[in-house]
Amino acid sequence: SHHIKAWTLALHQVADLSGVTCKVKS
């Protein structure tokens, strides 16, 4: 479906960006 393809792409793209990770013990 269009939704699944768009969501999968968006998740992949955002995860490729430099971001901030907040781990459980932080």
PDB file of all heavy atoms in Angstrom:
ATOM      1  N   SER A   1       0.829  -1.207   0.000  1.00  0.00           N
ATOM      2  CA  SER A   1       0.000   0.000   0.000  1.00  0.00           C
ATOM      3  C   SER A   1       0.867   1.261   0.000  1.00  0.00           C
ATOM      4  O   SER A   1       2.026   1.252   0.413  1.00  0.00           O
ATOM      5  CB  SER A   1      -0.935   0.023   1.211  1.00  0.00           C
ATOM      6  OG  SER A   1      -0.233   0.445   2.359  1.00  0.00           O
ATOM      7  N   HIS A   2       0.267   2.331  -0.456  1.00  0.00           N
ATOM      8  CA  HIS A   2       0.937   3.636  -0.482  1.00  0.00           C
ATOM      9  C   HIS A   2       1.373   4.040   0.933  1.00  0.00           C
ATOM     10  O   HIS A   2       2.476   4.557   1.127  1.00  0.00           O
ATOM     11  CB  HIS A   2       0.004   4.692  -1.083  1.00  0.00           C
ATOM     12  CG  HIS A   2       0.493   6.082  -0.899  1.00  0.00           C
ATOM     13  ND1 HIS A   2       1.578   6.574  -1.585  1.00  0.00           N
ATOM     14  CD2 HIS A   2       0.069   7.080  -0.083  1.00  0.00           C
ATOM     15  CE1 HIS A   2       1.803   7.826  -1.206  1.00  0.00           C
ATOM     16  NE2 HIS A   2       0.889   8.150  -0.308  1.00  0.00           N
ATOM     17  N   HIS A   3       0.496   3.800   1.916  1.00  0.00           N
ATOM     18  CA  HIS A   3       0.811   4.159   3.303  1.00  0.00           C
ATOM     19  C   HIS A   3       2.078   3.453   3.783  1.00  0.00           C
ATOM     20  O   HIS A   3       2.975   4.097   4.330  1.00  0.00           O
ATOM     21  CB  HIS A   3      -0.340   3.790   4.249  1.00  0.00           C
ATOM     22  CG  HIS A   3      -1.556   4.634   4.094  1.00  0.00           C
ATOM     23  ND1 HIS A   3      -1.586   5.975   4.365  1.00  0.00           N
ATOM     24  CD2 HIS A   3      -2.807   4.301   3.690  1.00  0.00           C
ATOM     25  CE1 HIS A   3      -2.790   6.449   4.151  1.00  0.00           C
ATOM     26  NE2 HIS A   3      -3.557   5.446   3.728  1.00  0.00           N
ATOM     27  N   ILE A   4       2.125   2.158   3.609  1.00  0.00           N
ATOM     28  CA  ILE A   4       3.268   1.368   4.100  1.00  0.00           C
ATOM     29  C   ILE A   4       4.559   1.842   3.445  1.00  0.00           C
ATOM     30  O   ILE A   4       5.574   2.030   4.115  1.00  0.00           O
ATOM     31  CB  ILE A   4       3.047  -0.144   3.843  1.00  0.00           C
ATOM     32  CG1 ILE A   4       1.792  -0.651   4.577  1.00  0.00           C
ATOM     33  CG2 ILE A   4       4.280  -0.946   4.236  1.00  0.00           C
ATOM     34  CD1 ILE A   4       1.827  -0.514   6.084  1.00  0.00           C
ATOM     35  N   LYS A   5       4.526   2.049   2.136  1.00  0.00           N
ATOM     36  CA  LYS A   5       5.734   2.504   1.429  1.00  0.00           C
ATOM     37  C   LYS A   5       6.174   3.876   1.922  1.00  0.00           C
ATOM     38  O   LYS A   5       7.365   4.114   2.149  1.00  0.00           O
ATOM     39  CB  LYS A   5       5.480   2.533  -0.081  1.00  0.00           C
ATOM     40  CG  LYS A   5       5.375   1.150  -0.678  1.00  0.00           C
ATOM     41  CD  LYS A   5       5.067   1.210  -2.160  1.00  0.00           C
ATOM     42  CE  LYS A   5       4.952  -0.204  -2.722  1.00  0.00           C
ATOM     43  NZ  LYS A   5       4.639  -0.199  -4.149  1.00  0.00           N
ATOM     44  N   ALA A   6       5.226   4.798   2.103  1.00  0.00           N
ATOM     45  CA  ALA A   6       5.559   6.152   2.560  1.00  0.00           C
ATOM     46  C   ALA A   6       6.103   6.123   3.992  1.00  0.00           C
ATOM     47  O   ALA A   6       7.086   6.804   4.306  1.00  0.00           O
ATOM     48  CB  ALA A   6       4.328   7.053   2.472  1.00  0.00           C
ATOM     49  N   TRP A   7       5.467   5.345   4.869  1.00  0.00           N
ATOM     50  CA  TRP A   7       5.921   5.269   6.255  1.00  0.00           C
ATOM     51  C   TRP A   7       7.300   4.640   6.355  1.00  0.00           C
ATOM     52  O   TRP A   7       8.158   5.103   7.102  1.00  0.00           O
ATOM     53  CB  TRP A   7       4.921   4.474   7.090  1.00  0.00           C
ATOM     54  CG  TRP A   7       3.573   5.122   7.212  1.00  0.00           C
ATOM     55  CD1 TRP A   7       3.261   6.440   7.079  1.00  0.00           C
ATOM     56  CD2 TRP A   7       2.350   4.449   7.507  1.00  0.00           C
ATOM     57  NE1 TRP A   7       1.920   6.635   7.259  1.00  0.00           N
ATOM     58  CE2 TRP A   7       1.329   5.436   7.524  1.00  0.00           C
ATOM     59  CE3 TRP A   7       2.000   3.126   7.730  1.00  0.00           C
ATOM     60  CZ2 TRP A   7       0.002   5.127   7.790  1.00  0.00           C
ATOM     61  CZ3 TRP A   7       0.676   2.821   7.992  1.00  0.00           C
ATOM     62  CH2 TRP A   7      -0.311   3.814   8.024  1.00  0.00           C
ATOM     63  N   THR A   8       7.515   3.557   5.599  1.00  0.00           N
ATOM     64  CA  THR A   8       8.807   2.877   5.617  1.00  0.00           C
ATOM     65  C   THR A   8       9.913   3.816   5.142  1.00  0.00           C
ATOM     66  O   THR A   8      10.985   3.893   5.762  1.00  0.00           O
ATOM     67  CB  THR A   8       8.758   1.606   4.733  1.00  0.00           C
ATOM     68  OG1 THR A   8       7.742   0.740   5.256  1.00  0.00           O
ATOM     69  CG2 THR A   8      10.083   0.881   4.723  1.00  0.00           C
ATOM     70  N   LEU A   9       9.654   4.539   4.077  1.00  0.00           N
ATOM     71  CA  LEU A   9      10.635   5.480   3.553  1.00  0.00           C
ATOM     72  C   LEU A   9      10.923   6.593   4.566  1.00  0.00           C
ATOM     73  O   LEU A   9      12.084   6.939   4.811  1.00  0.00           O
ATOM     74  CB  LEU A   9      10.158   6.080   2.228  1.00  0.00           C
ATOM     75  CG  LEU A   9      11.080   7.135   1.599  1.00  0.00           C
ATOM     76  CD1 LEU A   9      12.449   6.533   1.263  1.00  0.00           C
ATOM     77  CD2 LEU A   9      10.423   7.726   0.363  1.00  0.00           C
ATOM     78  N   ALA A  10       9.877   7.152   5.160  1.00  0.00           N
ATOM     79  CA  ALA A  10      10.052   8.235   6.137  1.00  0.00           C
ATOM     80  C   ALA A  10      10.850   7.762   7.352  1.00  0.00           C
ATOM     81  O   ALA A  10      11.742   8.475   7.833  1.00  0.00           O
ATOM     82  CB  ALA A  10       8.698   8.789   6.568  1.00  0.00           C
ATOM     83  N   LEU A  11      10.557   6.561   7.846  1.00  0.00           N
ATOM     84  CA  LEU A  11      11.312   6.022   8.977  1.00  0.00           C
ATOM     85  C   LEU A  11      12.776   5.824   8.609  1.00  0.00           C
ATOM     86  O   LEU A  11      13.676   6.149   9.392  1.00  0.00           O
ATOM     87  CB  LEU A  11      10.696   4.699   9.456  1.00  0.00           C
ATOM     88  CG  LEU A  11       9.363   4.811  10.186  1.00  0.00           C
ATOM     89  CD1 LEU A  11       8.708   3.436  10.333  1.00  0.00           C
ATOM     90  CD2 LEU A  11       9.545   5.483  11.546  1.00  0.00           C
ATOM     91  N   HIS A  12      13.018   5.311   7.423  1.00  0.00           N
ATOM     92  CA  HIS A  12      14.390   5.107   6.960  1.00  0.00           C
ATOM     93  C   HIS A  12      15.117   6.452   6.840  1.00  0.00           C
ATOM     94  O   HIS A  12      16.252   6.601   7.300  1.00  0.00           O
ATOM     95  CB  HIS A  12      14.393   4.366   5.622  1.00  0.00           C
ATOM     96  CG  HIS A  12      15.757   4.009   5.149  1.00  0.00           C
ATOM     97  ND1 HIS A  12      16.429   2.895   5.601  1.00  0.00           N
ATOM     98  CD2 HIS A  12      16.602   4.641   4.299  1.00  0.00           C
ATOM     99  CE1 HIS A  12      17.627   2.855   5.034  1.00  0.00           C
ATOM    100  NE2 HIS A  12      17.748   3.906   4.237  1.00  0.00           N
ATOM    101  N   GLN A  13      14.454   7.440   6.244  1.00  0.00           N
ATOM    102  CA  GLN A  13      15.078   8.746   6.050  1.00  0.00           C
ATOM    103  C   GLN A  13      15.383   9.439   7.374  1.00  0.00           C
ATOM    104  O   GLN A  13      16.473   9.991   7.554  1.00  0.00           O
ATOM    105  CB  GLN A  13      14.171   9.655   5.208  1.00  0.00           C
ATOM    106  CG  GLN A  13      14.104   9.267   3.757  1.00  0.00           C
ATOM    107  CD  GLN A  13      13.112  10.114   2.992  1.00  0.00           C
ATOM    108  OE1 GLN A  13      12.115  10.608   3.532  1.00  0.00           O
ATOM    109  NE2 GLN A  13      13.372  10.282   1.706  1.00  0.00           N
ATOM    110  N   VAL A  14      14.441   9.421   8.302  1.00  0.00           N
ATOM    111  CA  VAL A  14      14.669  10.120   9.569  1.00  0.00           C
ATOM    112  C   VAL A  14      15.767   9.440  10.377  1.00  0.00           C
ATOM    113  O   VAL A  14      16.552  10.096  11.058  1.00  0.00           O
ATOM    114  CB  VAL A  14      13.357  10.281  10.384  1.00  0.00           C
ATOM    115  CG1 VAL A  14      12.954   8.980  11.082  1.00  0.00           C
ATOM    116  CG2 VAL A  14      13.494  11.412  11.391  1.00  0.00           C
ATOM    117  N   ALA A  15      15.859   8.129  10.269  1.00  0.00           N
ATOM    118  CA  ALA A  15      16.898   7.399  11.012  1.00  0.00           C
ATOM    119  C   ALA A  15      18.281   7.628  10.410  1.00  0.00           C
ATOM    120  O   ALA A  15      19.288   7.417  11.085  1.00  0.00           O
ATOM    121  CB  ALA A  15      16.573   5.909  11.057  1.00  0.00           C
ATOM    122  N   ASP A  16      18.326   8.056   9.150  1.00  0.00           N
ATOM    123  CA  ASP A  16      19.612   8.368   8.518  1.00  0.00           C
ATOM    124  C   ASP A  16      20.124   9.751   8.889  1.00  0.00           C
ATOM    125  O   ASP A  16      21.273  10.084   8.601  1.00  0.00           O
ATOM    126  CB  ASP A  16      19.497   8.272   6.992  1.00  0.00           C
ATOM    127  CG  ASP A  16      19.611   6.837   6.499  1.00  0.00           C
ATOM    128  OD1 ASP A  16      20.050   5.968   7.275  1.00  0.00           O
ATOM    129  OD2 ASP A  16      19.265   6.581   5.329  1.00  0.00           O
ATOM    130  N   LEU A  17      19.276  10.571   9.518  1.00  0.00           N
ATOM    131  CA  LEU A  17      19.696  11.912   9.919  1.00  0.00           C
ATOM    132  C   LEU A  17      20.435  11.852  11.250  1.00  0.00           C
ATOM    133  O   LEU A  17      20.161  10.998  12.092  1.00  0.00           O
ATOM    134  CB  LEU A  17      18.486  12.838  10.047  1.00  0.00           C
ATOM    135  CG  LEU A  17      17.682  13.090   8.784  1.00  0.00           C
ATOM    136  CD1 LEU A  17      16.448  13.927   9.114  1.00  0.00           C
ATOM    137  CD2 LEU A  17      18.535  13.775   7.736  1.00  0.00           C
ATOM    138  N   SER A  18      21.323  12.779  11.428  1.00  0.00           N
ATOM    139  CA  SER A  18      22.022  12.905  12.707  1.00  0.00           C
ATOM    140  C   SER A  18      21.017  13.381  13.741  1.00  0.00           C
ATOM    141  O   SER A  18      20.301  14.363  13.517  1.00  0.00           O
ATOM    142  CB  SER A  18      23.163  13.906  12.555  1.00  0.00           C
ATOM    143  OG  SER A  18      23.780  14.111  13.788  1.00  0.00           O
ATOM    144  N   GLY A  19      20.963  12.689  14.851  1.00  0.00           N
ATOM    145  CA  GLY A  19      19.995  13.043  15.876  1.00  0.00           C
ATOM    146  C   GLY A  19      20.569  12.864  17.265  1.00  0.00           C
ATOM    147  O   GLY A  19      21.775  12.760  17.449  1.00  0.00           O
ATOM    148  N   VAL A  20      19.680  12.826  18.229  1.00  0.00           N
ATOM    149  CA  VAL A  20      20.045  12.668  19.634  1.00  0.00           C
ATOM    150  C   VAL A  20      19.474  11.351  20.116  1.00  0.00           C
ATOM    151  O   VAL A  20      18.296  11.066  19.883  1.00  0.00           O
ATOM    152  CB  VAL A  20      19.499  13.834  20.485  1.00  0.00           C
ATOM    153  CG1 VAL A  20      19.803  13.624  21.951  1.00  0.00           C
ATOM    154  CG2 VAL A  20      20.052  15.171  19.988  1.00  0.00           C
ATOM    155  N   THR A  21      20.307  10.555  20.772  1.00  0.00           N
ATOM    156  CA  THR A  21      19.841   9.288  21.324  1.00  0.00           C
ATOM    157  C   THR A  21      19.745   9.420  22.841  1.00  0.00           C
ATOM    158  O   THR A  21      20.689   9.846  23.492  1.00  0.00           O
ATOM    159  CB  THR A  21      20.798   8.139  20.951  1.00  0.00           C
ATOM    160  OG1 THR A  21      20.880   8.067  19.529  1.00  0.00           O
ATOM    161  CG2 THR A  21      20.301   6.809  21.494  1.00  0.00           C
ATOM    162  N   CYS A  22      18.594   9.063  23.359  1.00  0.00           N
ATOM    163  CA  CYS A  22      18.351   9.098  24.804  1.00  0.00           C
ATOM    164  C   CYS A  22      18.166   7.654  25.259  1.00  0.00           C
ATOM    165  O   CYS A  22      17.119   7.057  25.043  1.00  0.00           O
ATOM    166  CB  CYS A  22      17.104   9.934  25.089  1.00  0.00           C
ATOM    167  SG  CYS A  22      16.734  10.101  26.842  1.00  0.00           S
ATOM    168  N   LYS A  23      19.200   7.105  25.834  1.00  0.00           N
ATOM    169  CA  LYS A  23      19.166   5.707  26.267  1.00  0.00           C
ATOM    170  C   LYS A  23      18.392   5.554  27.572  1.00  0.00           C
ATOM    171  O   LYS A  23      18.105   6.538  28.254  1.00  0.00           O
ATOM    172  CB  LYS A  23      20.584   5.181  26.405  1.00  0.00           C
ATOM    173  CG  LYS A  23      21.349   5.236  25.084  1.00  0.00           C
ATOM    174  CD  LYS A  23      22.569   4.367  25.130  1.00  0.00           C
ATOM    175  CE  LYS A  23      23.319   4.441  23.828  1.00  0.00           C
ATOM    176  NZ  LYS A  23      22.790   3.624  22.786  1.00  0.00           N
ATOM    177  N   VAL A  24      18.092   4.322  27.924  1.00  0.00           N
ATOM    178  CA  VAL A  24      17.300   4.044  29.126  1.00  0.00           C
ATOM    179  C   VAL A  24      17.967   4.620  30.374  1.00  0.00           C
ATOM    180  O   VAL A  24      17.326   5.280  31.169  1.00  0.00           O
ATOM    181  CB  VAL A  24      17.059   2.524  29.281  1.00  0.00           C
ATOM    182  CG1 VAL A  24      16.355   2.223  30.585  1.00  0.00           C
ATOM    183  CG2 VAL A  24      16.255   1.995  28.102  1.00  0.00           C
ATOM    184  N   LYS A  25      19.240   4.386  30.520  1.00  0.00           N
ATOM    185  CA  LYS A  25      19.951   4.885  31.703  1.00  0.00           C
ATOM    186  C   LYS A  25      20.771   6.113  31.315  1.00  0.00           C
ATOM    187  O   LYS A  25      21.977   6.039  31.111  1.00  0.00           O
ATOM    188  CB  LYS A  25      20.846   3.803  32.289  1.00  0.00           C
ATOM    189  CG  LYS A  25      20.061   2.664  32.896  1.00  0.00           C
ATOM    190  CD  LYS A  25      20.952   1.693  33.614  1.00  0.00           C
ATOM    191  CE  LYS A  25      20.102   0.596  34.230  1.00  0.00           C
ATOM    192  NZ  LYS A  25      20.853  -0.275  35.093  1.00  0.00           N
ATOM    193  N   SER A  26      20.074   7.242  31.197  1.00  0.00           N
ATOM    194  CA  SER A  26      20.754   8.495  30.874  1.00  0.00           C
ATOM    195  C   SER A  26      20.062   9.631  31.616  1.00  0.00           C
ATOM    196  O   SER A  26      18.904   9.515  32.012  1.00  0.00           O
ATOM    197  CB  SER A  26      20.755   8.739  29.372  1.00  0.00           C
ATOM    198  OG  SER A  26      19.443   8.782  28.878  1.00  0.00           O
TER     199      SER A  26
END
